Amino acid sequence: DIFPRWNQHLMFSVTTLEDTLKLSVFQYDKYTQDEYLGKAEIKLSFLEHYGDNETDKLIYQLKDVAPDKPFGSISVYLSYKAI
């Protein structure tokens, strides 16, 4: 699938909104090594402006992509709840 969807809800613990969420994206391959597609780094400090609300869709261009591969992107929705 050229436009994969993960549709997963993940929860992470962070100690401060000064942290950076680092996402590495791979293409799963059942028979050979998974293919690295790139990474995105998201500074979380902007989340304090959203309160307990979810962000709109955020799109990040993948970085660190092999020169012979097209650039891709990842779309995410984020929210922050202080506990």
N, C-alpha and C. Protein backbone atom coordinates (compact mmCIF):
# COMPACT_ATOMS: atom_id res chain seq x y z
N ASP A 1 0.85 -1.18 0.00
CA ASP A 1 0.00 0.00 0.00
C ASP A 1 0.89 1.24 0.00
N ILE A 2 0.68 2.12 -0.94
CA ILE A 2 1.51 3.31 -1.05
C ILE A 2 1.15 4.36 0.01
N PHE A 3 -0.06 4.30 0.56
CA PHE A 3 -0.49 5.21 1.62
C PHE A 3 -0.96 4.39 2.82
N PRO A 4 -0.03 3.78 3.56
CA PRO A 4 -0.44 2.92 4.67
C PRO A 4 -1.11 3.71 5.79
N ARG A 5 -1.98 3.04 6.52
CA ARG A 5 -2.65 3.61 7.69
C ARG A 5 -2.44 2.66 8.85
N TRP A 6 -2.01 3.22 9.96
CA TRP A 6 -1.82 2.39 11.14
C TRP A 6 -3.04 2.45 12.05
N ASN A 7 -3.71 3.59 12.09
CA ASN A 7 -4.92 3.75 12.91
C ASN A 7 -4.74 3.18 14.30
N GLN A 8 -3.70 3.59 14.98
CA GLN A 8 -3.42 3.11 16.32
C GLN A 8 -3.44 4.25 17.31
N HIS A 9 -3.91 3.96 18.49
CA HIS A 9 -3.92 4.92 19.59
C HIS A 9 -2.80 4.49 20.53
N LEU A 10 -1.79 5.33 20.68
CA LEU A 10 -0.64 5.00 21.53
C LEU A 10 -0.53 6.03 22.64
N MET A 11 -0.11 5.59 23.81
CA MET A 11 0.06 6.49 24.95
C MET A 11 1.51 6.43 25.41
N PHE A 12 2.11 7.61 25.61
CA PHE A 12 3.49 7.71 26.07
C PHE A 12 3.54 8.56 27.32
N SER A 13 4.43 8.24 28.21
CA SER A 13 4.67 9.08 29.39
C SER A 13 5.82 10.02 29.07
N VAL A 14 5.62 11.29 29.36
CA VAL A 14 6.69 12.27 29.21
C VAL A 14 6.84 13.00 30.54
N THR A 15 8.05 13.39 30.85
CA THR A 15 8.28 14.09 32.11
C THR A 15 8.07 15.58 31.98
N THR A 16 8.23 16.10 30.78
CA THR A 16 8.08 17.53 30.55
C THR A 16 7.72 17.77 29.09
N LEU A 17 7.04 18.86 28.82
CA LEU A 17 6.72 19.19 27.43
C LEU A 17 7.94 19.73 26.69
N GLU A 18 9.07 19.77 27.35
CA GLU A 18 10.32 20.12 26.67
C GLU A 18 10.89 18.90 25.94
N ASP A 19 10.27 17.72 26.14
CA ASP A 19 10.72 16.50 25.47
C ASP A 19 10.41 16.55 23.98
N THR A 20 11.06 15.67 23.24
CA THR A 20 10.83 15.52 21.80
C THR A 20 10.39 14.09 21.53
N LEU A 21 9.29 13.93 20.80
CA LEU A 21 8.82 12.62 20.39
C LEU A 21 9.55 12.26 19.10
N LYS A 22 10.24 11.12 19.10
CA LYS A 22 11.00 10.69 17.93
C LYS A 22 10.33 9.45 17.34
N LEU A 23 9.91 9.57 16.08
CA LEU A 23 9.24 8.48 15.39
C LEU A 23 10.11 7.97 14.26
N SER A 24 10.35 6.67 14.23
CA SER A 24 11.04 6.02 13.11
C SER A 24 10.01 5.21 12.34
N VAL A 25 10.02 5.34 11.03
CA VAL A 25 9.01 4.70 10.19
C VAL A 25 9.67 3.60 9.35
N PHE A 26 9.08 2.41 9.40
CA PHE A 26 9.58 1.26 8.66
C PHE A 26 8.46 0.65 7.83
N GLN A 27 8.82 0.07 6.71
CA GLN A 27 7.88 -0.72 5.92
C GLN A 27 8.09 -2.17 6.31
N TYR A 28 7.06 -2.81 6.82
CA TYR A 28 7.14 -4.21 7.23
C TYR A 28 7.31 -5.10 6.00
N ASP A 29 8.19 -6.08 6.13
CA ASP A 29 8.37 -7.07 5.07
C ASP A 29 8.40 -8.44 5.73
N LYS A 30 7.49 -9.30 5.33
CA LYS A 30 7.34 -10.61 5.95
C LYS A 30 8.55 -11.51 5.70
N TYR A 31 9.24 -11.35 4.56
CA TYR A 31 10.29 -12.29 4.18
C TYR A 31 11.71 -11.75 4.27
N THR A 32 11.87 -10.44 4.32
CA THR A 32 13.21 -9.86 4.43
C THR A 32 13.20 -8.81 5.53
N GLN A 33 14.33 -8.17 5.71
CA GLN A 33 14.44 -7.13 6.74
C GLN A 33 13.51 -5.97 6.43
N ASP A 34 12.83 -5.45 7.47
CA ASP A 34 11.96 -4.29 7.29
C ASP A 34 12.77 -3.13 6.72
N GLU A 35 12.13 -2.34 5.86
CA GLU A 35 12.82 -1.24 5.19
C GLU A 35 12.61 0.06 5.96
N TYR A 36 13.70 0.72 6.32
CA TYR A 36 13.66 2.01 7.00
C TYR A 36 13.21 3.07 6.01
N LEU A 37 12.15 3.83 6.36
CA LEU A 37 11.62 4.85 5.46
C LEU A 37 12.00 6.27 5.88
N GLY A 38 12.37 6.46 7.14
CA GLY A 38 12.75 7.78 7.60
C GLY A 38 12.30 8.01 9.03
N LYS A 39 12.53 9.24 9.51
CA LYS A 39 12.16 9.57 10.89
C LYS A 39 11.56 10.96 10.95
N ALA A 40 10.84 11.21 12.02
CA ALA A 40 10.29 12.53 12.30
C ALA A 40 10.53 12.82 13.77
N GLU A 41 10.86 14.06 14.08
CA GLU A 41 11.05 14.49 15.46
C GLU A 41 10.07 15.61 15.74
N ILE A 42 9.28 15.44 16.80
CA ILE A 42 8.21 16.39 17.12
C ILE A 42 8.48 16.99 18.50
N LYS A 43 8.76 18.28 18.54
CA LYS A 43 8.92 18.97 19.82
C LYS A 43 7.54 19.12 20.44
N LEU A 44 7.39 18.71 21.69
CA LEU A 44 6.08 18.66 22.32
C LEU A 44 5.65 19.96 23.00
N SER A 45 6.51 20.94 23.06
CA SER A 45 6.20 22.16 23.82
C SER A 45 4.94 22.88 23.31
N PHE A 46 4.61 22.76 22.03
CA PHE A 46 3.43 23.44 21.50
C PHE A 46 2.12 22.87 22.05
N LEU A 47 2.16 21.66 22.63
CA LEU A 47 0.93 21.01 23.11
C LEU A 47 0.28 21.75 24.28
N GLU A 48 1.04 22.54 25.02
CA GLU A 48 0.45 23.26 26.16
C GLU A 48 -0.64 24.22 25.70
N HIS A 49 -0.61 24.67 24.45
CA HIS A 49 -1.62 25.59 23.93
C HIS A 49 -2.94 24.90 23.62
N TYR A 50 -2.93 23.56 23.55
CA TYR A 50 -4.14 22.80 23.24
C TYR A 50 -4.90 22.35 24.48
N GLY A 51 -4.31 22.50 25.66
CA GLY A 51 -4.96 22.01 26.88
C GLY A 51 -5.17 20.51 26.77
N ASP A 52 -6.38 20.04 27.08
CA ASP A 52 -6.69 18.61 26.98
C ASP A 52 -7.25 18.24 25.61
N ASN A 53 -7.23 19.15 24.66
CA ASN A 53 -7.80 18.90 23.34
C ASN A 53 -6.79 18.27 22.40
N GLU A 54 -7.31 17.49 21.46
CA GLU A 54 -6.46 16.88 20.44
C GLU A 54 -6.09 17.93 19.38
N THR A 55 -4.91 17.81 18.83
CA THR A 55 -4.49 18.73 17.76
C THR A 55 -5.25 18.41 16.48
N ASP A 56 -5.21 19.32 15.54
CA ASP A 56 -5.63 19.01 14.18
C ASP A 56 -4.59 18.04 13.62
N LYS A 57 -4.84 17.53 12.43
CA LYS A 57 -3.86 16.63 11.82
C LYS A 57 -2.56 17.38 11.58
N LEU A 58 -1.46 16.80 12.04
CA LEU A 58 -0.13 17.37 11.85
C LEU A 58 0.62 16.50 10.85
N ILE A 59 1.27 17.11 9.90
CA ILE A 59 2.01 16.37 8.87
C ILE A 59 3.48 16.72 8.98
N TYR A 60 4.31 15.70 9.11
CA TYR A 60 5.75 15.88 9.22
C TYR A 60 6.44 15.16 8.08
N GLN A 61 7.33 15.87 7.38
CA GLN A 61 8.13 15.25 6.33
C GLN A 61 9.16 14.34 6.99
N LEU A 62 9.34 13.15 6.45
CA LEU A 62 10.33 12.23 6.98
C LEU A 62 11.72 12.73 6.63
N LYS A 63 12.62 12.62 7.59
CA LYS A 63 14.02 13.03 7.43
C LYS A 63 14.89 11.77 7.39
N ASP A 64 16.15 11.96 7.04
CA ASP A 64 17.12 10.86 7.05
C ASP A 64 16.69 9.75 6.09
N VAL A 65 16.18 10.14 4.93
CA VAL A 65 15.69 9.19 3.94
C VAL A 65 16.83 8.85 2.98
N ALA A 66 16.90 7.59 2.57
CA ALA A 66 17.94 7.17 1.62
C ALA A 66 17.83 7.99 0.34
N PRO A 67 18.97 8.35 -0.27
CA PRO A 67 18.96 9.21 -1.46
C PRO A 67 18.16 8.65 -2.63
N ASP A 68 18.05 7.33 -2.73
CA ASP A 68 17.34 6.73 -3.87
C ASP A 68 15.85 6.52 -3.59
N LYS A 69 15.36 7.00 -2.44
CA LYS A 69 13.96 6.81 -2.07
C LYS A 69 13.22 8.14 -2.12
N PRO A 70 11.94 8.12 -2.49
CA PRO A 70 11.16 9.36 -2.47
C PRO A 70 10.91 9.80 -1.02
N PHE A 71 10.79 11.10 -0.83
CA PHE A 71 10.49 11.61 0.50
C PHE A 71 9.04 11.31 0.84
N GLY A 72 8.81 10.88 2.05
CA GLY A 72 7.47 10.61 2.51
C GLY A 72 7.12 11.51 3.68
N SER A 73 5.94 11.31 4.22
CA SER A 73 5.51 12.08 5.37
C SER A 73 4.69 11.19 6.28
N ILE A 74 4.51 11.65 7.50
CA ILE A 74 3.68 10.94 8.47
C ILE A 74 2.68 11.95 9.04
N SER A 75 1.44 11.51 9.18
CA SER A 75 0.38 12.36 9.74
C SER A 75 0.02 11.83 11.12
N VAL A 76 -0.08 12.74 12.09
CA VAL A 76 -0.41 12.34 13.45
C VAL A 76 -1.38 13.34 14.07
N TYR A 77 -2.11 12.86 15.06
CA TYR A 77 -2.90 13.70 15.94
C TYR A 77 -2.31 13.50 17.33
N LEU A 78 -2.13 14.57 18.08
CA LEU A 78 -1.53 14.47 19.41
C LEU A 78 -2.42 15.15 20.44
N SER A 79 -2.35 14.65 21.66
CA SER A 79 -2.99 15.34 22.79
C SER A 79 -2.13 15.11 24.02
N TYR A 80 -2.30 15.99 25.00
CA TYR A 80 -1.51 15.93 26.22
C TYR A 80 -2.44 16.06 27.41
N LYS A 81 -2.32 15.16 28.35
CA LYS A 81 -3.11 15.22 29.57
C LYS A 81 -2.17 15.12 30.76
N ALA A 82 -2.14 16.16 31.56
CA ALA A 82 -1.30 16.15 32.76
C ALA A 82 -1.93 15.23 33.79
N ILE A 83 -1.10 14.43 34.46
CA ILE A 83 -1.62 13.55 35.52
C ILE A 83 -0.87 13.77 36.80
